[in-house]
């Protein structure tokens, strides 16, 4: 089976992608997580979902985690319970590391979850910085 690697596998978006891909039976799912020893990650592993630890700040870690994957679902988050709220620069770096790593290992399909700029859409009336970095 082709390998589908999913960032944010323990979150709402990534978790639903893990469930859909695993449920289809068409992919070997690789859940990319920062804490593979947490209860949620252990539950995935019990279901034959490969759980792989990553550090999104470290390009080498991300590249290693994507080795052999044909499909990548990428999503960034503005906050991490263990690290607190991230800056836009940190979130941008995470996204860049995901894209650069996928390119480096030859991923065939890269699915990027993003949002439009609320500043642009509202003509500057509303500001949601978390959307603008995506």
N, C-alpha and C. Protein backbone atom coordinates (compact mmCIF):
# COMPACT_ATOMS: atom_id res chain seq x y z
N UNK A 1 0.84 -1.19 0.00
CA UNK A 1 0.00 0.00 0.00
C UNK A 1 0.87 1.24 0.00
N UNK A 2 0.43 2.29 -0.69
CA UNK A 2 1.16 3.55 -0.63
C UNK A 2 1.06 4.14 0.77
N UNK A 3 2.11 4.85 1.16
CA UNK A 3 2.14 5.48 2.48
C UNK A 3 1.60 6.89 2.39
N UNK A 4 0.67 7.20 3.29
CA UNK A 4 0.13 8.55 3.41
C UNK A 4 0.55 9.09 4.77
N UNK A 5 1.38 10.12 4.76
CA UNK A 5 1.86 10.74 6.00
C UNK A 5 0.97 11.93 6.33
N UNK A 6 0.55 12.02 7.59
CA UNK A 6 -0.39 13.06 7.99
C UNK A 6 0.17 13.88 9.13
N UNK A 7 0.39 15.18 8.86
CA UNK A 7 0.76 16.12 9.92
C UNK A 7 -0.49 16.45 10.72
N UNK A 8 -0.31 16.78 11.98
CA UNK A 8 -1.45 17.14 12.82
C UNK A 8 -2.37 15.97 13.08
N UNK A 9 -1.81 14.77 13.09
CA UNK A 9 -2.60 13.54 13.17
C UNK A 9 -3.42 13.42 14.45
N UNK A 10 -3.06 14.16 15.47
CA UNK A 10 -3.82 14.10 16.73
C UNK A 10 -4.79 15.26 16.88
N UNK A 11 -4.84 16.12 15.89
CA UNK A 11 -5.74 17.26 15.93
C UNK A 11 -7.04 16.97 15.19
N UNK A 12 -7.89 17.96 15.13
CA UNK A 12 -9.20 17.80 14.50
C UNK A 12 -9.07 17.52 13.00
N UNK A 13 -8.34 18.37 12.28
CA UNK A 13 -8.20 18.18 10.84
C UNK A 13 -7.40 16.94 10.50
N UNK A 14 -6.18 16.88 11.01
CA UNK A 14 -5.33 15.74 10.71
C UNK A 14 -5.93 14.43 11.19
N UNK A 15 -6.57 14.47 12.35
CA UNK A 15 -7.19 13.26 12.88
C UNK A 15 -8.28 12.73 11.98
N UNK A 16 -9.08 13.64 11.40
CA UNK A 16 -10.14 13.18 10.49
C UNK A 16 -9.54 12.62 9.20
N UNK A 17 -8.42 13.17 8.76
CA UNK A 17 -7.74 12.65 7.58
C UNK A 17 -7.18 11.25 7.87
N UNK A 18 -6.58 11.09 9.04
CA UNK A 18 -6.08 9.76 9.44
C UNK A 18 -7.23 8.75 9.40
N UNK A 19 -8.36 9.11 9.99
CA UNK A 19 -9.51 8.20 10.04
C UNK A 19 -10.01 7.84 8.65
N UNK A 20 -10.12 8.84 7.78
CA UNK A 20 -10.62 8.59 6.42
C UNK A 20 -9.66 7.71 5.62
N UNK A 21 -8.38 8.01 5.69
CA UNK A 21 -7.40 7.23 4.93
C UNK A 21 -7.30 5.80 5.47
N UNK A 22 -7.24 5.68 6.78
CA UNK A 22 -7.15 4.35 7.39
C UNK A 22 -8.42 3.55 7.08
N UNK A 23 -9.56 4.20 7.19
CA UNK A 23 -10.83 3.53 6.93
C UNK A 23 -10.99 3.08 5.48
N UNK A 24 -10.34 3.77 4.56
CA UNK A 24 -10.45 3.40 3.14
C UNK A 24 -9.74 2.09 2.83
N UNK A 25 -8.75 1.77 3.67
CA UNK A 25 -7.97 0.55 3.43
C UNK A 25 -7.01 0.65 2.26
N UNK A 26 -6.92 1.82 1.64
CA UNK A 26 -6.08 1.99 0.45
C UNK A 26 -4.67 2.47 0.77
N UNK A 27 -4.46 2.91 2.02
CA UNK A 27 -3.17 3.50 2.39
C UNK A 27 -2.64 2.91 3.68
N UNK A 28 -1.33 2.87 3.77
CA UNK A 28 -0.67 2.65 5.05
C UNK A 28 -0.51 4.06 5.62
N UNK A 29 -1.13 4.32 6.75
CA UNK A 29 -1.14 5.68 7.29
C UNK A 29 0.00 5.86 8.29
N UNK A 30 0.71 6.97 8.11
CA UNK A 30 1.78 7.34 9.03
C UNK A 30 1.36 8.64 9.73
N UNK A 31 1.06 8.52 11.01
CA UNK A 31 0.64 9.67 11.81
C UNK A 31 1.88 10.38 12.33
N UNK A 32 2.04 11.63 11.97
CA UNK A 32 3.22 12.41 12.37
C UNK A 32 2.86 13.22 13.61
N UNK A 33 3.52 12.94 14.71
CA UNK A 33 3.17 13.54 16.00
C UNK A 33 4.42 14.00 16.73
N UNK A 34 4.22 14.94 17.64
CA UNK A 34 5.36 15.41 18.44
C UNK A 34 5.55 14.56 19.69
N UNK A 35 4.48 13.91 20.13
CA UNK A 35 4.55 13.11 21.36
C UNK A 35 3.99 11.70 21.11
N UNK A 36 4.83 10.80 20.64
CA UNK A 36 4.35 9.45 20.32
C UNK A 36 3.95 8.63 21.54
N UNK A 37 4.32 9.07 22.72
CA UNK A 37 3.99 8.32 23.93
C UNK A 37 2.68 8.76 24.58
N UNK A 38 2.01 9.75 24.01
CA UNK A 38 0.74 10.20 24.60
C UNK A 38 -0.35 9.16 24.32
N UNK A 39 -1.41 9.20 25.09
CA UNK A 39 -2.49 8.21 24.97
C UNK A 39 -3.11 8.18 23.58
N UNK A 40 -3.34 9.35 23.00
CA UNK A 40 -3.97 9.41 21.68
C UNK A 40 -3.10 8.74 20.62
N UNK A 41 -1.79 8.97 20.68
CA UNK A 41 -0.87 8.34 19.72
C UNK A 41 -0.82 6.83 19.93
N UNK A 42 -0.83 6.41 21.17
CA UNK A 42 -0.82 4.98 21.47
C UNK A 42 -2.07 4.29 20.92
N UNK A 43 -3.20 4.98 20.98
CA UNK A 43 -4.45 4.41 20.44
C UNK A 43 -4.36 4.23 18.93
N UNK A 44 -3.71 5.17 18.25
CA UNK A 44 -3.52 5.02 16.81
C UNK A 44 -2.63 3.81 16.51
N UNK A 45 -1.55 3.69 17.26
CA UNK A 45 -0.62 2.58 17.05
C UNK A 45 -1.30 1.23 17.26
N UNK A 46 -2.22 1.18 18.21
CA UNK A 46 -2.95 -0.07 18.47
C UNK A 46 -3.82 -0.48 17.29
N UNK A 47 -4.13 0.47 16.42
CA UNK A 47 -4.98 0.22 15.25
C UNK A 47 -4.17 0.02 13.98
N UNK A 48 -2.91 -0.29 14.10
CA UNK A 48 -2.04 -0.52 12.95
C UNK A 48 -1.75 0.74 12.15
N UNK A 49 -1.76 1.87 12.82
CA UNK A 49 -1.38 3.13 12.20
C UNK A 49 0.02 3.44 12.70
N UNK A 50 0.93 3.66 11.77
CA UNK A 50 2.31 3.95 12.13
C UNK A 50 2.39 5.33 12.76
N UNK A 51 2.94 5.41 13.94
CA UNK A 51 3.09 6.68 14.63
C UNK A 51 4.58 7.05 14.59
N UNK A 52 4.85 8.23 14.04
CA UNK A 52 6.23 8.68 13.87
C UNK A 52 6.42 10.04 14.53
N UNK A 53 7.43 10.13 15.36
CA UNK A 53 7.72 11.39 16.05
C UNK A 53 8.40 12.37 15.11
N UNK A 54 7.98 13.63 15.18
CA UNK A 54 8.61 14.68 14.39
C UNK A 54 8.80 15.92 15.25
N UNK A 55 9.74 16.73 14.81
CA UNK A 55 9.93 18.06 15.37
C UNK A 55 9.84 19.00 14.17
N UNK A 56 8.73 19.70 14.03
CA UNK A 56 8.51 20.54 12.85
C UNK A 56 9.49 21.70 12.75
N UNK A 57 10.20 21.99 13.83
CA UNK A 57 11.23 23.02 13.78
C UNK A 57 12.50 22.51 13.11
N UNK A 58 12.63 21.21 12.97
CA UNK A 58 13.84 20.58 12.49
C UNK A 58 13.61 19.95 11.12
N UNK A 59 14.15 20.55 10.07
CA UNK A 59 13.96 20.06 8.70
C UNK A 59 14.39 18.60 8.56
N UNK A 60 15.49 18.23 9.18
CA UNK A 60 15.98 16.86 9.08
C UNK A 60 14.97 15.86 9.68
N UNK A 61 14.36 16.22 10.80
CA UNK A 61 13.35 15.38 11.42
C UNK A 61 12.15 15.18 10.50
N UNK A 62 11.70 16.28 9.90
CA UNK A 62 10.54 16.21 9.01
C UNK A 62 10.88 15.41 7.76
N UNK A 63 12.05 15.64 7.21
CA UNK A 63 12.48 14.91 6.01
C UNK A 63 12.55 13.42 6.29
N UNK A 64 13.13 13.05 7.40
CA UNK A 64 13.22 11.64 7.78
C UNK A 64 11.83 11.01 7.90
N UNK A 65 10.90 11.74 8.48
CA UNK A 65 9.54 11.22 8.70
C UNK A 65 8.78 11.01 7.39
N UNK A 66 9.14 11.75 6.35
CA UNK A 66 8.44 11.64 5.07
C UNK A 66 9.06 10.62 4.12
N UNK A 67 10.19 10.05 4.49
CA UNK A 67 10.83 9.05 3.63
C UNK A 67 9.84 7.95 3.27
N UNK A 68 9.72 7.65 1.98
CA UNK A 68 8.87 6.57 1.52
C UNK A 68 7.41 6.92 1.35
N UNK A 69 7.00 8.12 1.75
CA UNK A 69 5.59 8.51 1.62
C UNK A 69 5.30 8.96 0.19
N UNK A 70 4.16 8.54 -0.31
CA UNK A 70 3.71 8.99 -1.62
C UNK A 70 2.74 10.17 -1.49
N UNK A 71 2.04 10.22 -0.36
CA UNK A 71 1.04 11.25 -0.13
C UNK A 71 1.33 11.93 1.20
N UNK A 72 1.19 13.26 1.24
CA UNK A 72 1.35 14.01 2.49
C UNK A 72 0.17 14.95 2.65
N UNK A 73 -0.42 14.93 3.83
CA UNK A 73 -1.43 15.91 4.20
C UNK A 73 -0.75 16.84 5.20
N UNK A 74 -0.66 18.11 4.85
CA UNK A 74 0.06 19.07 5.68
C UNK A 74 -0.89 20.13 6.24
N UNK A 75 -0.77 20.35 7.54
CA UNK A 75 -1.52 21.40 8.20
C UNK A 75 -0.62 21.96 9.30
N UNK A 76 -0.63 23.27 9.44
CA UNK A 76 0.13 23.89 10.53
C UNK A 76 -0.86 24.32 11.60
N UNK A 77 -0.35 24.52 12.79
CA UNK A 77 -1.22 25.00 13.87
C UNK A 77 -0.58 26.21 14.53
N UNK A 78 -1.44 27.07 15.03
CA UNK A 78 -0.94 28.31 15.64
C UNK A 78 -0.57 28.13 17.09
N UNK A 79 -0.94 27.02 17.66
CA UNK A 79 -0.61 26.77 19.06
C UNK A 79 -0.36 25.31 19.30
N UNK A 80 0.49 25.04 20.24
CA UNK A 80 0.82 23.69 20.65
C UNK A 80 0.75 23.70 22.17
N UNK A 81 -0.07 22.84 22.73
CA UNK A 81 -0.28 22.86 24.18
C UNK A 81 1.03 22.78 24.96
N UNK A 82 2.02 22.10 24.38
CA UNK A 82 3.28 21.95 25.11
C UNK A 82 4.19 23.16 24.95
N UNK A 83 3.98 23.95 23.87
CA UNK A 83 4.89 25.06 23.60
C UNK A 83 4.21 26.43 23.70
N UNK A 84 2.90 26.45 23.85
CA UNK A 84 2.18 27.72 23.87
C UNK A 84 1.94 28.24 22.47
N UNK A 85 1.49 29.47 22.38
CA UNK A 85 1.16 30.08 21.09
C UNK A 85 2.42 30.34 20.28
N UNK A 86 2.35 30.03 19.00
CA UNK A 86 3.49 30.24 18.12
C UNK A 86 3.40 31.59 17.43
N UNK A 87 4.52 32.08 17.02
CA UNK A 87 4.54 33.29 16.21
C UNK A 87 4.23 32.91 14.77
N UNK A 88 3.89 33.91 13.97
CA UNK A 88 3.67 33.65 12.55
C UNK A 88 4.94 33.13 11.89
N UNK A 89 6.07 33.62 12.34
CA UNK A 89 7.34 33.17 11.77
C UNK A 89 7.58 31.68 12.04
N UNK A 90 7.24 31.24 13.26
CA UNK A 90 7.40 29.83 13.60
C UNK A 90 6.47 28.97 12.76
N UNK A 91 5.22 29.40 12.63
CA UNK A 91 4.27 28.62 11.85
C UNK A 91 4.70 28.58 10.38
N UNK A 92 5.18 29.69 9.87
CA UNK A 92 5.68 29.73 8.49
C UNK A 92 6.84 28.76 8.33
N UNK A 93 7.75 28.74 9.30
CA UNK A 93 8.89 27.82 9.23
C UNK A 93 8.42 26.37 9.20
N UNK A 94 7.44 26.04 10.01
CA UNK A 94 6.91 24.67 10.02
C UNK A 94 6.37 24.30 8.63
N UNK A 95 5.59 25.20 8.06
CA UNK A 95 5.04 24.94 6.73
C UNK A 95 6.12 24.80 5.68
N UNK A 96 7.12 25.67 5.76
CA UNK A 96 8.24 25.59 4.80
C UNK A 96 8.99 24.29 4.97
N UNK A 97 9.23 23.87 6.21
CA UNK A 97 9.92 22.60 6.44
C UNK A 97 9.12 21.43 5.86
N UNK A 98 7.81 21.46 6.00
CA UNK A 98 6.97 20.39 5.44
C UNK A 98 7.11 20.34 3.93
N UNK A 99 6.98 21.49 3.28
CA UNK A 99 7.06 21.54 1.82
C UNK A 99 8.46 21.17 1.32
N UNK A 100 9.48 21.71 1.97
CA UNK A 100 10.86 21.41 1.54
C UNK A 100 11.18 19.93 1.72
N UNK A 101 10.74 19.34 2.82
CA UNK A 101 11.00 17.92 3.07
C UNK A 101 10.27 17.05 2.05
N UNK A 102 9.03 17.40 1.76
CA UNK A 102 8.26 16.62 0.78
C UNK A 102 8.92 16.66 -0.59
N UNK A 103 9.40 17.82 -0.97
CA UNK A 103 10.10 17.96 -2.25
C UNK A 103 11.40 17.15 -2.25
N UNK A 104 12.12 17.21 -1.14
CA UNK A 104 13.41 16.52 -1.05
C UNK A 104 13.29 15.00 -1.18
N UNK A 105 12.21 14.44 -0.67
CA UNK A 105 12.06 12.97 -0.72
C UNK A 105 11.20 12.51 -1.89
N UNK A 106 10.71 13.42 -2.69
CA UNK A 106 9.96 13.04 -3.90
C UNK A 106 8.52 12.63 -3.66
N UNK A 107 7.86 13.27 -2.70
CA UNK A 107 6.44 12.98 -2.45
C UNK A 107 5.65 13.29 -3.73
N UNK A 108 4.75 12.38 -4.09
CA UNK A 108 3.97 12.54 -5.33
C UNK A 108 2.78 13.49 -5.16
N UNK A 109 2.11 13.42 -4.01
CA UNK A 109 0.91 14.23 -3.79
C UNK A 109 1.04 14.95 -2.45
N UNK A 110 1.07 16.28 -2.50
CA UNK A 110 1.21 17.10 -1.31
C UNK A 110 -0.07 17.91 -1.15
N UNK A 111 -0.83 17.62 -0.11
CA UNK A 111 -2.10 18.30 0.13
C UNK A 111 -1.88 19.30 1.25
N UNK A 112 -2.11 20.57 0.95
CA UNK A 112 -1.82 21.64 1.89
C UNK A 112 -3.14 22.24 2.38
N UNK A 113 -3.38 22.18 3.66
CA UNK A 113 -4.58 22.80 4.24
C UNK A 113 -4.24 24.25 4.54
N UNK A 114 -5.00 25.14 3.98
CA UNK A 114 -4.70 26.56 4.13
C UNK A 114 -5.97 27.37 4.33
N UNK A 115 -5.81 28.64 4.52
CA UNK A 115 -6.93 29.57 4.71
C UNK A 115 -6.64 30.85 3.93
N UNK A 116 -7.69 31.54 3.52
CA UNK A 116 -7.47 32.82 2.83
C UNK A 116 -7.11 33.91 3.83
N UNK A 117 -6.56 34.98 3.32
CA UNK A 117 -6.25 36.14 4.16
C UNK A 117 -7.53 36.90 4.47
N UNK A 118 -7.88 36.95 5.74
CA UNK A 118 -9.07 37.69 6.14
C UNK A 118 -8.86 39.19 5.93
N UNK A 119 -7.65 39.66 6.12
CA UNK A 119 -7.35 41.08 5.89
C UNK A 119 -7.68 41.45 4.45
N UNK A 120 -7.23 40.63 3.52
CA UNK A 120 -7.49 40.92 2.10
C UNK A 120 -8.97 40.77 1.76
N UNK A 121 -9.59 39.71 2.26
CA UNK A 121 -11.00 39.48 1.96
C UNK A 121 -11.91 40.56 2.52
N UNK A 122 -11.54 41.10 3.69
CA UNK A 122 -12.39 42.12 4.33
C UNK A 122 -11.95 43.54 4.01
N UNK A 123 -10.97 43.68 3.15
CA UNK A 123 -10.48 45.01 2.82
C UNK A 123 -9.84 45.70 4.02
N UNK A 124 -9.27 44.91 4.93
CA UNK A 124 -8.59 45.44 6.10
C UNK A 124 -9.48 45.63 7.32
N UNK A 125 -10.76 45.35 7.19
CA UNK A 125 -11.69 45.53 8.30
C UNK A 125 -11.41 44.55 9.44
N UNK A 126 -11.09 43.32 9.08
CA UNK A 126 -10.83 42.29 10.08
C UNK A 126 -9.40 41.81 9.98
N UNK A 127 -8.83 41.48 11.14
CA UNK A 127 -7.47 40.95 11.16
C UNK A 127 -7.46 39.66 11.96
N UNK A 128 -7.05 38.58 11.29
CA UNK A 128 -6.89 37.27 11.94
C UNK A 128 -5.51 36.78 11.52
N UNK A 129 -4.47 37.20 12.27
CA UNK A 129 -3.10 36.87 11.88
C UNK A 129 -2.86 35.38 11.63
N UNK A 130 -3.56 34.53 12.36
CA UNK A 130 -3.36 33.09 12.21
C UNK A 130 -3.74 32.64 10.80
N UNK A 131 -4.68 33.32 10.17
CA UNK A 131 -5.08 32.95 8.81
C UNK A 131 -4.05 33.43 7.79
N UNK A 132 -3.47 34.60 8.04
CA UNK A 132 -2.58 35.21 7.05
C UNK A 132 -1.28 34.46 6.84
N UNK A 133 -0.82 33.73 7.84
CA UNK A 133 0.43 33.01 7.68
C UNK A 133 0.24 31.69 6.92
N UNK A 134 -0.98 31.22 6.87
CA UNK A 134 -1.24 29.96 6.19
C UNK A 134 -1.16 30.17 4.72
